[in-house]
Amino acid sequence: IVLVSGHLDSWDVGQGAMDDGGGVFISWEALSLIKDLGLRPKRTLRLVLWTGEEQGGIGAKQYYQLHKENISNFDIVMESDEGTFQPSGLGFTGTARARDIVKEIMTLLKPINVTDVYDSADGTDIDYWMRDGVPGASLHNDINKYFWFHHSQGDTMTVQDPNQMNLCAAVWTVVSYVIADMEEMLPR
């Protein structure tokens, strides 16, 4: 299973377009693009739209409890939760061998200048999996404006730039599809 995700709940004063509607959108769009292109990877791609992230990750905890018995089937868990501004790469948590594979995958995104792999993945909703050794990835993007809107009434759809969101969706699509279509799972 290659899991892509974002969380549905937002802070109570805003619409949650950036935190985390953008992460939900690019995760949904990644699977939509793969389907529209008629691609069928070797492994399952799964979209999870988390709930309860802002309330301490209770949705993620319940999902983990329900699925941890199949942890060996999870290839990578991916979460976008820091906005969907101009992407620069991925945060990655996993073994050195898995990191080398992810770095190679990221070279496919050179035409849109999104190739960096940072030291660790962040995400309340994927932490349980990463602590148990499942490789994890999180979207890295230009967060200079993130805290202008974070948990505020300004977190509306006007914050979102469709071109930047398309680039974020492209990153999510390429990474999730390539990992799901590899002959072997990422090394643990």
N, C-alpha and C. Protein backbone atom coordinates (compact mmCIF):
# COMPACT_ATOMS: atom_id res chain seq x y z
N ILE A 1 0.85 -1.18 0.00
CA ILE A 1 0.00 0.00 0.00
C ILE A 1 0.89 1.24 0.00
N VAL A 2 0.62 2.13 -0.93
CA VAL A 2 1.23 3.45 -0.95
C VAL A 2 0.12 4.41 -0.53
N LEU A 3 0.30 5.04 0.62
CA LEU A 3 -0.74 5.87 1.20
C LEU A 3 -0.42 7.34 0.97
N VAL A 4 -1.35 8.08 0.36
CA VAL A 4 -1.23 9.53 0.21
C VAL A 4 -2.34 10.17 1.05
N SER A 5 -2.04 11.33 1.64
CA SER A 5 -3.02 11.85 2.59
C SER A 5 -2.90 13.34 2.85
N GLY A 6 -3.98 13.85 3.41
CA GLY A 6 -4.11 15.19 3.96
C GLY A 6 -5.21 15.11 4.99
N HIS A 7 -5.44 16.18 5.75
CA HIS A 7 -6.51 16.08 6.74
C HIS A 7 -7.64 17.07 6.44
N LEU A 8 -8.86 16.60 6.71
CA LEU A 8 -10.07 17.35 6.40
C LEU A 8 -10.40 18.43 7.41
N ASP A 9 -10.11 18.18 8.65
CA ASP A 9 -10.50 19.15 9.67
C ASP A 9 -9.60 20.38 9.60
N SER A 10 -10.17 21.51 9.96
CA SER A 10 -9.41 22.76 9.96
C SER A 10 -9.53 23.40 11.33
N TRP A 11 -8.79 24.45 11.52
CA TRP A 11 -8.92 25.21 12.76
C TRP A 11 -10.27 25.89 12.76
N ASP A 12 -10.82 26.15 13.90
CA ASP A 12 -12.21 26.57 13.98
C ASP A 12 -12.52 27.95 13.42
N VAL A 13 -11.53 28.81 13.22
CA VAL A 13 -11.84 30.17 12.75
C VAL A 13 -11.72 30.34 11.24
N GLY A 14 -11.14 29.41 10.54
CA GLY A 14 -10.95 29.54 9.10
C GLY A 14 -11.65 28.46 8.32
N GLN A 15 -11.59 28.58 7.01
CA GLN A 15 -12.18 27.55 6.15
C GLN A 15 -11.29 26.33 6.02
N GLY A 16 -10.03 26.49 6.32
CA GLY A 16 -9.10 25.36 6.22
C GLY A 16 -8.68 25.07 4.79
N ALA A 17 -8.68 26.08 3.94
CA ALA A 17 -8.30 25.87 2.54
C ALA A 17 -6.83 25.49 2.42
N MET A 18 -5.98 26.13 3.22
CA MET A 18 -4.56 25.84 3.19
C MET A 18 -4.24 24.73 4.20
N ASP A 19 -4.80 24.82 5.39
CA ASP A 19 -4.55 23.86 6.46
C ASP A 19 -5.85 23.12 6.77
N ASP A 20 -6.14 22.03 6.11
CA ASP A 20 -5.26 21.35 5.18
C ASP A 20 -6.01 20.97 3.89
N GLY A 21 -6.90 21.85 3.44
CA GLY A 21 -7.60 21.56 2.19
C GLY A 21 -6.65 21.32 1.03
N GLY A 22 -5.53 22.04 1.00
CA GLY A 22 -4.56 21.84 -0.07
C GLY A 22 -3.98 20.44 -0.09
N GLY A 23 -3.65 19.91 1.09
CA GLY A 23 -3.12 18.55 1.19
C GLY A 23 -4.14 17.51 0.77
N VAL A 24 -5.40 17.75 1.13
CA VAL A 24 -6.48 16.87 0.70
C VAL A 24 -6.60 16.91 -0.82
N PHE A 25 -6.59 18.12 -1.38
CA PHE A 25 -6.76 18.27 -2.82
C PHE A 25 -5.66 17.57 -3.60
N ILE A 26 -4.39 17.80 -3.23
CA ILE A 26 -3.31 17.21 -4.04
C ILE A 26 -3.29 15.69 -3.91
N SER A 27 -3.71 15.17 -2.75
CA SER A 27 -3.77 13.71 -2.58
C SER A 27 -4.86 13.12 -3.46
N TRP A 28 -6.01 13.75 -3.46
CA TRP A 28 -7.12 13.31 -4.32
C TRP A 28 -6.72 13.44 -5.78
N GLU A 29 -6.12 14.56 -6.12
CA GLU A 29 -5.74 14.82 -7.52
C GLU A 29 -4.70 13.82 -8.01
N ALA A 30 -3.77 13.43 -7.16
CA ALA A 30 -2.75 12.46 -7.56
C ALA A 30 -3.40 11.17 -8.03
N LEU A 31 -4.34 10.65 -7.25
CA LEU A 31 -4.99 9.40 -7.64
C LEU A 31 -5.89 9.61 -8.86
N SER A 32 -6.52 10.77 -8.96
CA SER A 32 -7.35 11.07 -10.13
C SER A 32 -6.51 11.10 -11.39
N LEU A 33 -5.35 11.74 -11.33
CA LEU A 33 -4.48 11.82 -12.50
C LEU A 33 -3.99 10.44 -12.93
N ILE A 34 -3.60 9.62 -11.97
CA ILE A 34 -3.13 8.27 -12.28
C ILE A 34 -4.24 7.48 -12.96
N LYS A 35 -5.45 7.59 -12.44
CA LYS A 35 -6.59 6.89 -13.05
C LYS A 35 -6.89 7.43 -14.44
N ASP A 36 -6.92 8.77 -14.58
CA ASP A 36 -7.21 9.38 -15.88
C ASP A 36 -6.19 9.01 -16.95
N LEU A 37 -4.95 8.79 -16.52
CA LEU A 37 -3.90 8.40 -17.46
C LEU A 37 -3.94 6.90 -17.78
N GLY A 38 -4.84 6.18 -17.13
CA GLY A 38 -4.96 4.75 -17.39
C GLY A 38 -3.82 3.93 -16.81
N LEU A 39 -3.13 4.46 -15.81
CA LEU A 39 -2.01 3.77 -15.21
C LEU A 39 -2.50 2.83 -14.11
N ARG A 40 -1.92 1.64 -14.07
CA ARG A 40 -2.29 0.67 -13.03
C ARG A 40 -1.01 0.16 -12.39
N PRO A 41 -0.63 0.74 -11.26
CA PRO A 41 0.62 0.32 -10.61
C PRO A 41 0.51 -1.09 -10.02
N LYS A 42 1.65 -1.64 -9.71
CA LYS A 42 1.71 -3.00 -9.15
C LYS A 42 1.10 -3.09 -7.76
N ARG A 43 1.19 -1.99 -7.00
CA ARG A 43 0.67 -1.97 -5.64
C ARG A 43 -0.52 -1.03 -5.51
N THR A 44 -1.23 -1.18 -4.43
CA THR A 44 -2.40 -0.36 -4.14
C THR A 44 -2.00 1.05 -3.76
N LEU A 45 -2.67 2.01 -4.36
CA LEU A 45 -2.58 3.41 -3.93
C LEU A 45 -3.81 3.68 -3.08
N ARG A 46 -3.61 4.23 -1.90
CA ARG A 46 -4.74 4.49 -1.01
C ARG A 46 -4.73 5.95 -0.58
N LEU A 47 -5.89 6.57 -0.70
CA LEU A 47 -6.08 7.95 -0.26
C LEU A 47 -6.73 7.91 1.12
N VAL A 48 -6.14 8.62 2.06
CA VAL A 48 -6.74 8.76 3.38
C VAL A 48 -6.90 10.25 3.66
N LEU A 49 -8.13 10.65 3.96
CA LEU A 49 -8.43 12.02 4.34
C LEU A 49 -8.70 12.00 5.84
N TRP A 50 -7.67 12.33 6.59
CA TRP A 50 -7.69 12.20 8.04
C TRP A 50 -8.71 13.15 8.66
N THR A 51 -9.22 12.77 9.82
CA THR A 51 -10.02 13.65 10.65
C THR A 51 -9.40 13.67 12.04
N GLY A 52 -9.72 14.69 12.79
CA GLY A 52 -9.25 14.79 14.16
C GLY A 52 -7.77 15.12 14.29
N GLU A 53 -7.12 15.60 13.22
CA GLU A 53 -5.70 15.96 13.31
C GLU A 53 -5.52 17.14 14.26
N GLU A 54 -6.37 18.13 14.13
CA GLU A 54 -6.27 19.32 14.99
C GLU A 54 -6.64 19.03 16.43
N GLN A 55 -7.28 17.92 16.68
CA GLN A 55 -7.67 17.53 18.03
C GLN A 55 -6.75 16.44 18.59
N GLY A 56 -5.51 16.44 18.15
CA GLY A 56 -4.53 15.51 18.69
C GLY A 56 -4.30 14.26 17.86
N GLY A 57 -4.74 14.27 16.62
CA GLY A 57 -4.48 13.13 15.75
C GLY A 57 -5.32 11.90 16.06
N ILE A 58 -6.51 12.09 16.58
CA ILE A 58 -7.31 10.93 16.99
C ILE A 58 -7.77 10.08 15.81
N GLY A 59 -7.99 10.69 14.65
CA GLY A 59 -8.36 9.91 13.47
C GLY A 59 -7.21 9.02 13.01
N ALA A 60 -6.00 9.58 13.01
CA ALA A 60 -4.82 8.82 12.62
C ALA A 60 -4.56 7.67 13.58
N LYS A 61 -4.75 7.93 14.86
CA LYS A 61 -4.53 6.88 15.86
C LYS A 61 -5.50 5.73 15.64
N GLN A 62 -6.76 6.05 15.37
CA GLN A 62 -7.74 4.99 15.16
C GLN A 62 -7.43 4.21 13.88
N TYR A 63 -7.06 4.91 12.81
CA TYR A 63 -6.71 4.24 11.55
C TYR A 63 -5.53 3.29 11.78
N TYR A 64 -4.53 3.79 12.48
CA TYR A 64 -3.35 2.98 12.78
C TYR A 64 -3.75 1.73 13.58
N GLN A 65 -4.56 1.91 14.59
CA GLN A 65 -5.00 0.76 15.41
C GLN A 65 -5.73 -0.27 14.56
N LEU A 66 -6.53 0.20 13.60
CA LEU A 66 -7.31 -0.72 12.76
C LEU A 66 -6.46 -1.44 11.71
N HIS A 67 -5.33 -0.85 11.31
CA HIS A 67 -4.56 -1.40 10.19
C HIS A 67 -3.13 -1.82 10.53
N LYS A 68 -2.68 -1.64 11.78
CA LYS A 68 -1.28 -1.93 12.10
C LYS A 68 -0.94 -3.41 11.97
N GLU A 69 -1.93 -4.29 12.04
CA GLU A 69 -1.63 -5.71 11.88
C GLU A 69 -1.14 -6.03 10.46
N ASN A 70 -1.41 -5.12 9.52
CA ASN A 70 -0.95 -5.29 8.14
C ASN A 70 0.20 -4.34 7.81
N ILE A 71 0.96 -3.93 8.82
CA ILE A 71 1.99 -2.91 8.62
C ILE A 71 3.01 -3.31 7.56
N SER A 72 3.28 -4.60 7.42
CA SER A 72 4.27 -5.04 6.44
C SER A 72 3.79 -4.79 5.00
N ASN A 73 2.51 -4.53 4.81
CA ASN A 73 1.97 -4.22 3.48
C ASN A 73 2.08 -2.75 3.11
N PHE A 74 2.45 -1.89 4.06
CA PHE A 74 2.54 -0.46 3.78
C PHE A 74 3.95 -0.14 3.29
N ASP A 75 4.04 0.32 2.05
CA ASP A 75 5.30 0.62 1.40
C ASP A 75 5.83 1.99 1.84
N ILE A 76 4.95 2.99 1.82
CA ILE A 76 5.29 4.35 2.24
C ILE A 76 4.00 5.04 2.65
N VAL A 77 4.12 5.95 3.60
CA VAL A 77 2.99 6.81 4.00
C VAL A 77 3.40 8.25 3.70
N MET A 78 2.52 8.98 3.01
CA MET A 78 2.82 10.35 2.58
C MET A 78 1.74 11.28 3.11
N GLU A 79 2.17 12.41 3.66
CA GLU A 79 1.22 13.40 4.18
C GLU A 79 1.65 14.81 3.78
N SER A 80 0.68 15.58 3.31
CA SER A 80 0.89 17.00 3.04
C SER A 80 0.08 17.78 4.06
N ASP A 81 0.77 18.57 4.89
CA ASP A 81 0.08 19.36 5.92
C ASP A 81 0.79 20.67 6.22
N GLU A 82 1.53 21.21 5.30
CA GLU A 82 2.17 22.50 5.54
C GLU A 82 1.91 23.44 4.38
N GLY A 83 0.70 23.40 3.86
CA GLY A 83 0.36 24.26 2.75
C GLY A 83 0.71 23.63 1.42
N THR A 84 0.23 24.26 0.36
CA THR A 84 0.51 23.79 -1.00
C THR A 84 0.97 24.98 -1.83
N PHE A 85 2.05 25.59 -1.35
CA PHE A 85 2.68 26.69 -2.06
C PHE A 85 3.73 26.10 -3.02
N GLN A 86 4.59 26.91 -3.59
CA GLN A 86 5.61 26.45 -4.53
C GLN A 86 6.41 25.30 -3.92
N PRO A 87 6.31 24.08 -4.49
CA PRO A 87 7.02 22.94 -3.89
C PRO A 87 8.52 22.98 -4.17
N SER A 88 9.30 22.40 -3.24
CA SER A 88 10.74 22.28 -3.42
C SER A 88 11.22 20.84 -3.33
N GLY A 89 10.42 19.97 -2.73
CA GLY A 89 10.83 18.58 -2.61
C GLY A 89 10.04 17.85 -1.55
N LEU A 90 10.68 16.82 -1.00
CA LEU A 90 10.04 15.98 0.01
C LEU A 90 10.90 15.89 1.25
N GLY A 91 10.24 15.86 2.40
CA GLY A 91 10.90 15.40 3.60
C GLY A 91 10.78 13.89 3.58
N PHE A 92 11.81 13.19 4.01
CA PHE A 92 11.77 11.72 3.95
C PHE A 92 12.34 11.13 5.23
N THR A 93 11.63 10.14 5.76
CA THR A 93 12.09 9.35 6.89
C THR A 93 12.13 7.90 6.44
N GLY A 94 13.30 7.29 6.57
CA GLY A 94 13.48 5.90 6.17
C GLY A 94 14.95 5.55 6.15
N THR A 95 15.24 4.36 5.69
CA THR A 95 16.63 3.90 5.65
C THR A 95 17.43 4.65 4.59
N ALA A 96 18.75 4.55 4.68
CA ALA A 96 19.62 5.20 3.69
C ALA A 96 19.37 4.63 2.30
N ARG A 97 19.14 3.32 2.20
CA ARG A 97 18.87 2.72 0.89
C ARG A 97 17.55 3.24 0.31
N ALA A 98 16.54 3.36 1.15
CA ALA A 98 15.25 3.88 0.70
C ALA A 98 15.40 5.35 0.28
N ARG A 99 16.17 6.12 1.03
CA ARG A 99 16.41 7.53 0.70
C ARG A 99 17.07 7.66 -0.68
N ASP A 100 18.03 6.79 -0.98
CA ASP A 100 18.68 6.82 -2.29
C ASP A 100 17.66 6.58 -3.41
N ILE A 101 16.72 5.68 -3.18
CA ILE A 101 15.68 5.41 -4.18
C ILE A 101 14.79 6.63 -4.35
N VAL A 102 14.40 7.24 -3.24
CA VAL A 102 13.54 8.43 -3.32
C VAL A 102 14.29 9.57 -4.02
N LYS A 103 15.56 9.72 -3.75
CA LYS A 103 16.35 10.76 -4.44
C LYS A 103 16.34 10.52 -5.95
N GLU A 104 16.46 9.26 -6.35
CA GLU A 104 16.42 8.93 -7.78
C GLU A 104 15.05 9.25 -8.37
N ILE A 105 13.99 8.93 -7.66
CA ILE A 105 12.63 9.25 -8.13
C ILE A 105 12.47 10.75 -8.30
N MET A 106 13.01 11.51 -7.37
CA MET A 106 12.87 12.97 -7.42
C MET A 106 13.56 13.58 -8.64
N THR A 107 14.53 12.88 -9.23
CA THR A 107 15.17 13.41 -10.43
C THR A 107 14.18 13.51 -11.59
N LEU A 108 13.10 12.72 -11.53
CA LEU A 108 12.07 12.79 -12.56
C LEU A 108 11.36 14.14 -12.56
N LEU A 109 11.46 14.85 -11.46
CA LEU A 109 10.78 16.15 -11.32
C LEU A 109 11.70 17.33 -11.62
N LYS A 110 12.86 17.03 -12.18
CA LYS A 110 13.80 18.10 -12.54
C LYS A 110 13.17 19.14 -13.48
N PRO A 111 12.32 18.74 -14.45
CA PRO A 111 11.72 19.75 -15.34
C PRO A 111 10.89 20.81 -14.61
N ILE A 112 10.39 20.49 -13.41
CA ILE A 112 9.63 21.51 -12.66
C ILE A 112 10.44 22.00 -11.45
N ASN A 113 11.72 21.64 -11.40
CA ASN A 113 12.66 22.12 -10.39
C ASN A 113 12.22 21.76 -8.96
N VAL A 114 11.80 20.51 -8.78
CA VAL A 114 11.39 20.03 -7.46
C VAL A 114 12.12 18.71 -7.21
N THR A 115 13.35 18.81 -6.72
CA THR A 115 14.18 17.61 -6.63
C THR A 115 14.77 17.36 -5.24
N ASP A 116 14.60 18.25 -4.31
CA ASP A 116 15.25 18.11 -3.00
C ASP A 116 14.60 17.03 -2.14
N VAL A 117 15.45 16.34 -1.37
CA VAL A 117 14.98 15.39 -0.38
C VAL A 117 15.57 15.84 0.95
N TYR A 118 14.70 16.21 1.88
CA TYR A 118 15.10 16.74 3.17
C TYR A 118 15.18 15.61 4.20
N ASP A 119 15.79 15.90 5.35
CA ASP A 119 16.15 14.88 6.32
C ASP A 119 15.02 14.10 6.96
N SER A 120 13.87 14.69 7.17
CA SER A 120 12.82 13.91 7.82
C SER A 120 11.45 14.34 7.36
N ALA A 121 10.54 13.39 7.39
CA ALA A 121 9.15 13.67 7.05
C ALA A 121 8.44 14.17 8.30
N ASP A 122 7.49 15.06 8.10
CA ASP A 122 6.67 15.58 9.20
C ASP A 122 5.22 15.25 8.92
N GLY A 123 4.50 14.93 9.95
CA GLY A 123 3.07 14.70 9.79
C GLY A 123 2.48 13.98 10.97
N THR A 124 1.61 14.67 11.68
CA THR A 124 0.93 14.06 12.82
C THR A 124 0.26 12.76 12.43
N ASP A 125 -0.32 12.73 11.24
CA ASP A 125 -1.13 11.58 10.84
C ASP A 125 -0.32 10.38 10.39
N ILE A 126 0.95 10.56 10.07
CA ILE A 126 1.78 9.43 9.64
C ILE A 126 2.85 9.04 10.65
N ASP A 127 2.92 9.76 11.76
CA ASP A 127 3.94 9.49 12.77
C ASP A 127 3.90 8.06 13.31
N TYR A 128 2.71 7.53 13.56
CA TYR A 128 2.61 6.16 14.10
C TYR A 128 3.31 5.17 13.18
N TRP A 129 3.10 5.32 11.89
CA TRP A 129 3.66 4.40 10.91
C TRP A 129 5.18 4.53 10.85
N MET A 130 5.65 5.78 10.81
CA MET A 130 7.10 5.99 10.71
C MET A 130 7.81 5.48 11.95
N ARG A 131 7.22 5.63 13.14
CA ARG A 131 7.83 5.11 14.37
C ARG A 131 7.99 3.60 14.32
N ASP A 132 7.12 2.94 13.54
CA ASP A 132 7.21 1.48 13.40
C ASP A 132 7.99 1.05 12.16
N GLY A 133 8.72 1.99 11.55
CA GLY A 133 9.64 1.65 10.48
C GLY A 133 9.13 1.78 9.07
N VAL A 134 7.89 2.22 8.87
CA VAL A 134 7.38 2.43 7.51
C VAL A 134 7.98 3.74 6.99
N PRO A 135 8.57 3.73 5.80
CA PRO A 135 9.08 4.97 5.24
C PRO A 135 7.96 6.02 5.13
N GLY A 136 8.33 7.28 5.35
CA GLY A 136 7.36 8.36 5.28
C GLY A 136 7.87 9.53 4.47
N ALA A 137 6.94 10.26 3.86
CA ALA A 137 7.29 11.44 3.07
C ALA A 137 6.29 12.55 3.35
N SER A 138 6.80 13.77 3.38
CA SER A 138 5.94 14.94 3.51
C SER A 138 6.36 15.97 2.48
N LEU A 139 5.39 16.72 1.99
CA LEU A 139 5.65 17.74 0.98
C LEU A 139 6.39 18.91 1.61
N HIS A 140 7.46 19.34 0.96
CA HIS A 140 8.15 20.58 1.34
C HIS A 140 7.82 21.63 0.30
N ASN A 141 7.44 22.80 0.78
CA ASN A 141 7.13 23.90 -0.14
C ASN A 141 7.51 25.21 0.53
N ASP A 142 7.38 26.27 -0.22
CA ASP A 142 7.75 27.60 0.27
C ASP A 142 6.73 28.04 1.32
N ILE A 143 7.13 27.97 2.59
CA ILE A 143 6.18 28.29 3.66
C ILE A 143 6.33 29.72 4.17
N ASN A 144 6.95 30.59 3.38
CA ASN A 144 7.12 31.97 3.82
C ASN A 144 5.80 32.65 4.19
N LYS A 145 4.72 32.29 3.49
CA LYS A 145 3.42 32.90 3.78
C LYS A 145 2.52 32.01 4.63
N TYR A 146 2.98 30.83 4.96
CA TYR A 146 2.15 29.86 5.67
C TYR A 146 1.57 30.43 6.96
N PHE A 147 2.40 31.05 7.77
CA PHE A 147 1.93 31.53 9.06
C PHE A 147 1.19 32.87 8.96
N TRP A 148 1.12 33.42 7.77
CA TRP A 148 0.24 34.57 7.57
C TRP A 148 -1.22 34.12 7.70
N PHE A 149 -1.50 32.87 7.33
CA PHE A 149 -2.87 32.36 7.24
C PHE A 149 -3.18 31.24 8.23
N HIS A 150 -2.14 30.58 8.72
CA HIS A 150 -2.29 29.39 9.57
C HIS A 150 -3.21 29.66 10.75
N HIS A 151 -4.26 28.84 10.87
CA HIS A 151 -5.22 28.92 11.98
C HIS A 151 -5.81 30.32 12.15
N SER A 152 -6.12 30.93 11.02
CA SER A 152 -6.71 32.27 11.06
C SER A 152 -7.92 32.34 10.14
N GLN A 153 -8.67 33.43 10.26
CA GLN A 153 -9.81 33.64 9.37
C GLN A 153 -9.35 33.88 7.92
N GLY A 154 -8.07 34.14 7.74
CA GLY A 154 -7.53 34.34 6.40
C GLY A 154 -7.28 33.07 5.62
N ASP A 155 -7.46 31.92 6.26
CA ASP A 155 -7.21 30.63 5.59
C ASP A 155 -8.42 30.27 4.72
N THR A 156 -8.51 30.95 3.57
CA THR A 156 -9.62 30.76 2.63
C THR A 156 -9.07 30.34 1.28
N MET A 157 -9.96 30.02 0.36
CA MET A 157 -9.54 29.57 -0.98
C MET A 157 -8.71 30.63 -1.71
N THR A 158 -8.84 31.90 -1.36
CA THR A 158 -8.06 32.94 -2.04
C THR A 158 -6.57 32.80 -1.77
N VAL A 159 -6.20 32.06 -0.75
CA VAL A 159 -4.79 31.81 -0.43
C VAL A 159 -4.16 30.87 -1.46
N GLN A 160 -4.96 30.00 -2.01
CA GLN A 160 -4.46 28.95 -2.91
C GLN A 160 -4.15 29.49 -4.31
N ASP A 161 -3.00 29.14 -4.82
CA ASP A 161 -2.60 29.47 -6.18
C ASP A 161 -2.74 28.20 -7.01
N PRO A 162 -3.65 28.17 -7.99
CA PRO A 162 -3.87 26.94 -8.75
C PRO A 162 -2.62 26.39 -9.42
N ASN A 163 -1.74 27.25 -9.89
CA ASN A 163 -0.51 26.77 -10.54
C ASN A 163 0.41 26.08 -9.54
N GLN A 164 0.55 26.66 -8.36
CA GLN A 164 1.39 26.04 -7.34
C GLN A 164 0.77 24.73 -6.85
N MET A 165 -0.54 24.71 -6.73
CA MET A 165 -1.20 23.47 -6.31
C MET A 165 -1.02 22.38 -7.36
N ASN A 166 -1.06 22.74 -8.63
CA ASN A 166 -0.83 21.76 -9.69
C ASN A 166 0.57 21.17 -9.60
N LEU A 167 1.55 22.01 -9.27
CA LEU A 167 2.92 21.50 -9.11
C LEU A 167 3.01 20.55 -7.92
N CYS A 168 2.35 20.91 -6.83
CA CYS A 168 2.33 20.02 -5.66
C CYS A 168 1.67 18.69 -6.01
N ALA A 169 0.57 18.75 -6.75
CA ALA A 169 -0.12 17.52 -7.17
C ALA A 169 0.78 16.69 -8.09
N ALA A 170 1.57 17.35 -8.93
CA ALA A 170 2.49 16.63 -9.81
C ALA A 170 3.53 15.87 -8.99
N VAL A 171 4.06 16.50 -7.97
CA VAL A 171 5.04 15.84 -7.09
C VAL A 171 4.40 14.61 -6.45
N TRP A 172 3.23 14.79 -5.88
CA TRP A 172 2.53 13.71 -5.20
C TRP A 172 2.22 12.57 -6.17
N THR A 173 1.82 12.92 -7.39
CA THR A 173 1.46 11.91 -8.40
C THR A 173 2.68 11.09 -8.80
N VAL A 174 3.75 11.76 -9.16
CA VAL A 174 4.95 11.07 -9.64
C VAL A 174 5.51 10.17 -8.54
N VAL A 175 5.68 10.70 -7.35
CA VAL A 175 6.30 9.92 -6.28
C VAL A 175 5.43 8.72 -5.91
N SER A 176 4.14 8.95 -5.73
CA SER A 176 3.29 7.84 -5.30
C SER A 176 3.19 6.77 -6.39
N TYR A 177 3.05 7.19 -7.65
CA TYR A 177 2.93 6.20 -8.72
C TYR A 177 4.21 5.38 -8.88
N VAL A 178 5.35 6.05 -8.92
CA VAL A 178 6.61 5.33 -9.15
C VAL A 178 6.86 4.33 -8.01
N ILE A 179 6.65 4.73 -6.78
CA ILE A 179 6.86 3.81 -5.67
C ILE A 179 5.88 2.65 -5.75
N ALA A 180 4.64 2.94 -6.10
CA ALA A 180 3.63 1.87 -6.20
C ALA A 180 3.90 0.92 -7.36
N ASP A 181 4.67 1.35 -8.34
CA ASP A 181 4.91 0.52 -9.52
C ASP A 181 6.30 -0.14 -9.52
N MET A 182 7.08 0.06 -8.46
CA MET A 182 8.41 -0.55 -8.40
C MET A 182 8.27 -2.07 -8.21
N GLU A 183 9.29 -2.80 -8.63
CA GLU A 183 9.28 -4.25 -8.48
C GLU A 183 9.25 -4.66 -7.01
N GLU A 184 10.00 -3.94 -6.18
CA GLU A 184 10.08 -4.27 -4.77
C GLU A 184 9.69 -3.06 -3.93
N MET A 185 9.29 -3.34 -2.69
CA MET A 185 8.97 -2.25 -1.77
C MET A 185 10.23 -1.52 -1.37
N LEU A 186 10.07 -0.30 -0.85
CA LEU A 186 11.22 0.45 -0.34
C LEU A 186 11.85 -0.35 0.79
N PRO A 187 13.19 -0.38 0.83
CA PRO A 187 13.89 -1.11 1.90
C PRO A 187 13.60 -0.51 3.27
N ARG A 188 13.48 -1.38 4.25
CA ARG A 188 13.28 -0.93 5.65
C ARG A 188 14.52 -1.23 6.45
